[in-house]
Amino acid sequence: MNDVSPQKETSYESPNPYVLIGFIQTDNHIQCIENSEKPFYFSGNKKPSKFGFKNLKYFAPYIKGMGVKSYYEIISYEIIKRNQIQNAPLTFTNDNMERLVIWLGKEYLIDRKLFKNI
């Protein structure tokens, strides 16, 4: 093992990536995830004070009263004003409070029909 060296410019991923669970309380949030060509999640008025570290790889929407049925790869994230979020239902033109927006990628189903309470 002493003679083995890592390849140049090779990155290694954590074998145990983290999953962010977002609580989905409104139909607007569900639409942004399930009925959007480019699914995304946006935070409420209170955005996290710290966000984004290299082991955070997935986002799981927890739908109020139902649970979790799938999770998504996190493509990217940004903090932007609410009235600048594209394709968000009921975009509030007067709401310039900042929100955390998480852009989602591939969906992984946990169960095709059932939600899992966690």
C-alpha atoms as a PDB file:
ATOM      1  CA  MET A   1       0.000   0.000   0.000  1.00  0.00           C
ATOM      2  CA  ASN A   2       2.893   2.401   0.549  1.00  0.00           C
ATOM      3  CA  ASP A   3       3.656   2.324  -3.173  1.00  0.00           C
ATOM      4  CA  VAL A   4       0.105   3.317  -4.172  1.00  0.00           C
ATOM      5  CA  SER A   5      -0.467   7.003  -4.883  1.00  0.00           C
ATOM      6  CA  PRO A   6      -3.682   8.758  -5.872  1.00  0.00           C
ATOM      7  CA  GLN A   7      -4.100   9.774  -9.489  1.00  0.00           C
ATOM      8  CA  LYS A   8      -3.575  13.428 -10.311  1.00  0.00           C
ATOM      9  CA  GLU A   9      -6.733  15.500 -10.545  1.00  0.00           C
ATOM     10  CA  THR A  10      -8.880  12.645  -9.238  1.00  0.00           C
ATOM     11  CA  SER A  11     -11.550  13.505  -6.726  1.00  0.00           C
ATOM     12  CA  TYR A  12     -12.870  11.067  -4.201  1.00  0.00           C
ATOM     13  CA  GLU A  13     -16.450  11.101  -2.969  1.00  0.00           C
ATOM     14  CA  SER A  14     -17.603  10.361   0.514  1.00  0.00           C
ATOM     15  CA  PRO A  15     -18.986   6.819   0.841  1.00  0.00           C
ATOM     16  CA  ASN A  16     -21.693   8.242   3.137  1.00  0.00           C
ATOM     17  CA  PRO A  17     -23.184  11.365   1.559  1.00  0.00           C
ATOM     18  CA  TYR A  18     -25.622  13.488   3.525  1.00  0.00           C
ATOM     19  CA  VAL A  19     -29.299  13.994   2.695  1.00  0.00           C
ATOM     20  CA  LEU A  20     -31.093  17.271   3.391  1.00  0.00           C
ATOM     21  CA  ILE A  21     -34.739  16.749   4.302  1.00  0.00           C
ATOM     22  CA  GLY A  22     -36.977  19.663   3.355  1.00  0.00           C
ATOM     23  CA  PHE A  23     -40.421  19.958   4.856  1.00  0.00           C
ATOM     24  CA  ILE A  24     -43.009  20.579   2.137  1.00  0.00           C
ATOM     25  CA  GLN A  25     -46.104  22.232   3.549  1.00  0.00           C
ATOM     26  CA  THR A  26     -47.792  23.851   0.563  1.00  0.00           C
ATOM     27  CA  ASP A  27     -48.996  22.851  -2.886  1.00  0.00           C
ATOM     28  CA  ASN A  28     -46.717  25.550  -4.339  1.00  0.00           C
ATOM     29  CA  HIS A  29     -43.656  23.693  -3.100  1.00  0.00           C
ATOM     30  CA  ILE A  30     -44.978  20.374  -4.409  1.00  0.00           C
ATOM     31  CA  GLN A  31     -45.521  21.938  -7.856  1.00  0.00           C
ATOM     32  CA  CYS A  32     -41.947  23.234  -7.948  1.00  0.00           C
ATOM     33  CA  ILE A  33     -40.614  19.728  -7.375  1.00  0.00           C
ATOM     34  CA  GLU A  34     -43.073  17.403  -9.089  1.00  0.00           C
ATOM     35  CA  ASN A  35     -44.504  19.491 -11.946  1.00  0.00           C
ATOM     36  CA  SER A  36     -41.467  21.452 -13.042  1.00  0.00           C
ATOM     37  CA  GLU A  37     -39.214  20.750 -16.014  1.00  0.00           C
ATOM     38  CA  LYS A  38     -36.262  21.768 -13.829  1.00  0.00           C
ATOM     39  CA  PRO A  39     -37.306  20.762 -10.316  1.00  0.00           C
ATOM     40  CA  PHE A  40     -36.267  22.965  -7.417  1.00  0.00           C
ATOM     41  CA  TYR A  41     -36.984  23.674  -3.780  1.00  0.00           C
ATOM     42  CA  PHE A  42     -36.983  27.090  -2.155  1.00  0.00           C
ATOM     43  CA  SER A  43     -36.806  27.925   1.524  1.00  0.00           C
ATOM     44  CA  GLY A  44     -39.255  29.987   3.489  1.00  0.00           C
ATOM     45  CA  ASN A  45     -38.544  33.363   5.079  1.00  0.00           C
ATOM     46  CA  LYS A  46     -35.862  31.842   7.275  1.00  0.00           C
ATOM     47  CA  LYS A  47     -32.998  30.489   5.228  1.00  0.00           C
ATOM     48  CA  PRO A  48     -30.238  28.363   6.748  1.00  0.00           C
ATOM     49  CA  SER A  49     -27.340  30.330   8.199  1.00  0.00           C
ATOM     50  CA  LYS A  50     -24.946  27.690   6.868  1.00  0.00           C
ATOM     51  CA  PHE A  51     -25.497  25.544   3.819  1.00  0.00           C
ATOM     52  CA  GLY A  52     -23.492  23.587   1.321  1.00  0.00           C
ATOM     53  CA  PHE A  53     -20.701  21.305   2.239  1.00  0.00           C
ATOM     54  CA  LYS A  54     -19.099  18.683   0.049  1.00  0.00           C
ATOM     55  CA  ASN A  55     -20.823  15.656   1.592  1.00  0.00           C
ATOM     56  CA  LEU A  56     -24.339  17.054   1.022  1.00  0.00           C
ATOM     57  CA  LYS A  57     -25.464  15.237  -2.129  1.00  0.00           C
ATOM     58  CA  TYR A  58     -29.206  14.613  -1.895  1.00  0.00           C
ATOM     59  CA  PHE A  59     -32.471  16.355  -1.076  1.00  0.00           C
ATOM     60  CA  ALA A  60     -35.539  14.457   0.197  1.00  0.00           C
ATOM     61  CA  PRO A  61     -38.869  16.298   0.224  1.00  0.00           C
ATOM     62  CA  TYR A  62     -40.931  15.400   3.295  1.00  0.00           C
ATOM     63  CA  ILE A  63     -44.545  16.131   2.388  1.00  0.00           C
ATOM     64  CA  LYS A  64     -46.580  17.178   5.407  1.00  0.00           C
ATOM     65  CA  GLY A  65     -48.853  14.398   6.616  1.00  0.00           C
ATOM     66  CA  MET A  66     -47.524  11.900   4.065  1.00  0.00           C
ATOM     67  CA  GLY A  67     -43.766  11.364   4.420  1.00  0.00           C
ATOM     68  CA  VAL A  68     -41.001  10.754   1.858  1.00  0.00           C
ATOM     69  CA  LYS A  69     -41.371   8.746  -1.350  1.00  0.00           C
ATOM     70  CA  SER A  70     -38.205   9.783  -3.199  1.00  0.00           C
ATOM     71  CA  TYR A  71     -35.017  11.801  -3.034  1.00  0.00           C
ATOM     72  CA  TYR A  72     -33.109  13.884  -5.587  1.00  0.00           C
ATOM     73  CA  GLU A  73     -29.524  14.665  -6.439  1.00  0.00           C
ATOM     74  CA  ILE A  74     -28.604  18.250  -5.604  1.00  0.00           C
ATOM     75  CA  ILE A  75     -27.315  19.913  -8.768  1.00  0.00           C
ATOM     76  CA  SER A  76     -26.625  23.364  -7.340  1.00  0.00           C
ATOM     77  CA  TYR A  77     -27.969  25.982  -4.988  1.00  0.00           C
ATOM     78  CA  GLU A  78     -28.085  29.741  -4.696  1.00  0.00           C
ATOM     79  CA  ILE A  79     -29.557  32.459  -2.557  1.00  0.00           C
ATOM     80  CA  ILE A  80     -31.765  34.811  -4.554  1.00  0.00           C
ATOM     81  CA  LYS A  81     -34.703  37.103  -3.936  1.00  0.00           C
ATOM     82  CA  ARG A  82     -38.136  35.492  -3.920  1.00  0.00           C
ATOM     83  CA  ASN A  83     -39.412  37.636  -6.772  1.00  0.00           C
ATOM     84  CA  GLN A  84     -36.487  36.467  -8.964  1.00  0.00           C
ATOM     85  CA  ILE A  85     -37.190  32.735  -8.688  1.00  0.00           C
ATOM     86  CA  GLN A  86     -38.046  31.622 -12.217  1.00  0.00           C
ATOM     87  CA  ASN A  87     -40.917  29.171 -12.801  1.00  0.00           C
ATOM     88  CA  ALA A  88     -42.125  29.409  -9.217  1.00  0.00           C
ATOM     89  CA  PRO A  89     -45.891  29.414  -8.850  1.00  0.00           C
ATOM     90  CA  LEU A  90     -47.341  32.594  -7.395  1.00  0.00           C
ATOM     91  CA  THR A  91     -44.146  34.575  -7.768  1.00  0.00           C
ATOM     92  CA  PHE A  92     -44.537  37.547  -5.490  1.00  0.00           C
ATOM     93  CA  THR A  93     -43.375  40.623  -7.379  1.00  0.00           C
ATOM     94  CA  ASN A  94     -43.156  42.664  -4.176  1.00  0.00           C
ATOM     95  CA  ASP A  95     -41.353  40.014  -2.118  1.00  0.00           C
ATOM     96  CA  ASN A  96     -37.629  40.746  -2.257  1.00  0.00           C
ATOM     97  CA  MET A  97     -36.674  38.608   0.767  1.00  0.00           C
ATOM     98  CA  GLU A  98     -33.827  36.222   0.031  1.00  0.00           C
ATOM     99  CA  ARG A  99     -34.518  32.500  -0.265  1.00  0.00           C
ATOM    100  CA  LEU A 100     -32.300  29.453  -0.582  1.00  0.00           C
ATOM    101  CA  VAL A 101     -33.063  27.762  -3.922  1.00  0.00           C
ATOM    102  CA  ILE A 102     -31.868  24.178  -4.431  1.00  0.00           C
ATOM    103  CA  TRP A 103     -31.840  22.948  -8.032  1.00  0.00           C
ATOM    104  CA  LEU A 104     -32.598  19.231  -8.194  1.00  0.00           C
ATOM    105  CA  GLY A 105     -31.464  16.524 -10.594  1.00  0.00           C
ATOM    106  CA  LYS A 106     -32.222  12.836 -10.915  1.00  0.00           C
ATOM    107  CA  GLU A 107     -35.040  11.470  -8.783  1.00  0.00           C
ATOM    108  CA  TYR A 108     -34.611   8.191  -6.908  1.00  0.00           C
ATOM    109  CA  LEU A 109     -37.864   6.517  -5.866  1.00  0.00           C
ATOM    110  CA  ILE A 110     -37.888   4.827  -2.490  1.00  0.00           C
ATOM    111  CA  ASP A 111     -41.255   3.227  -3.162  1.00  0.00           C
ATOM    112  CA  ARG A 112     -43.444   3.751  -6.222  1.00  0.00           C
ATOM    113  CA  LYS A 113     -46.715   4.104  -4.329  1.00  0.00           C
ATOM    114  CA  LEU A 114     -46.071   4.421  -0.643  1.00  0.00           C
ATOM    115  CA  PHE A 115     -44.672   7.263   1.370  1.00  0.00           C
ATOM    116  CA  LYS A 116     -42.232   6.419   4.146  1.00  0.00           C
ATOM    117  CA  ASN A 117     -42.707   8.233   7.440  1.00  0.00           C
ATOM    118  CA  ILE A 118     -39.375   9.154   8.967  1.00  0.00           C
END
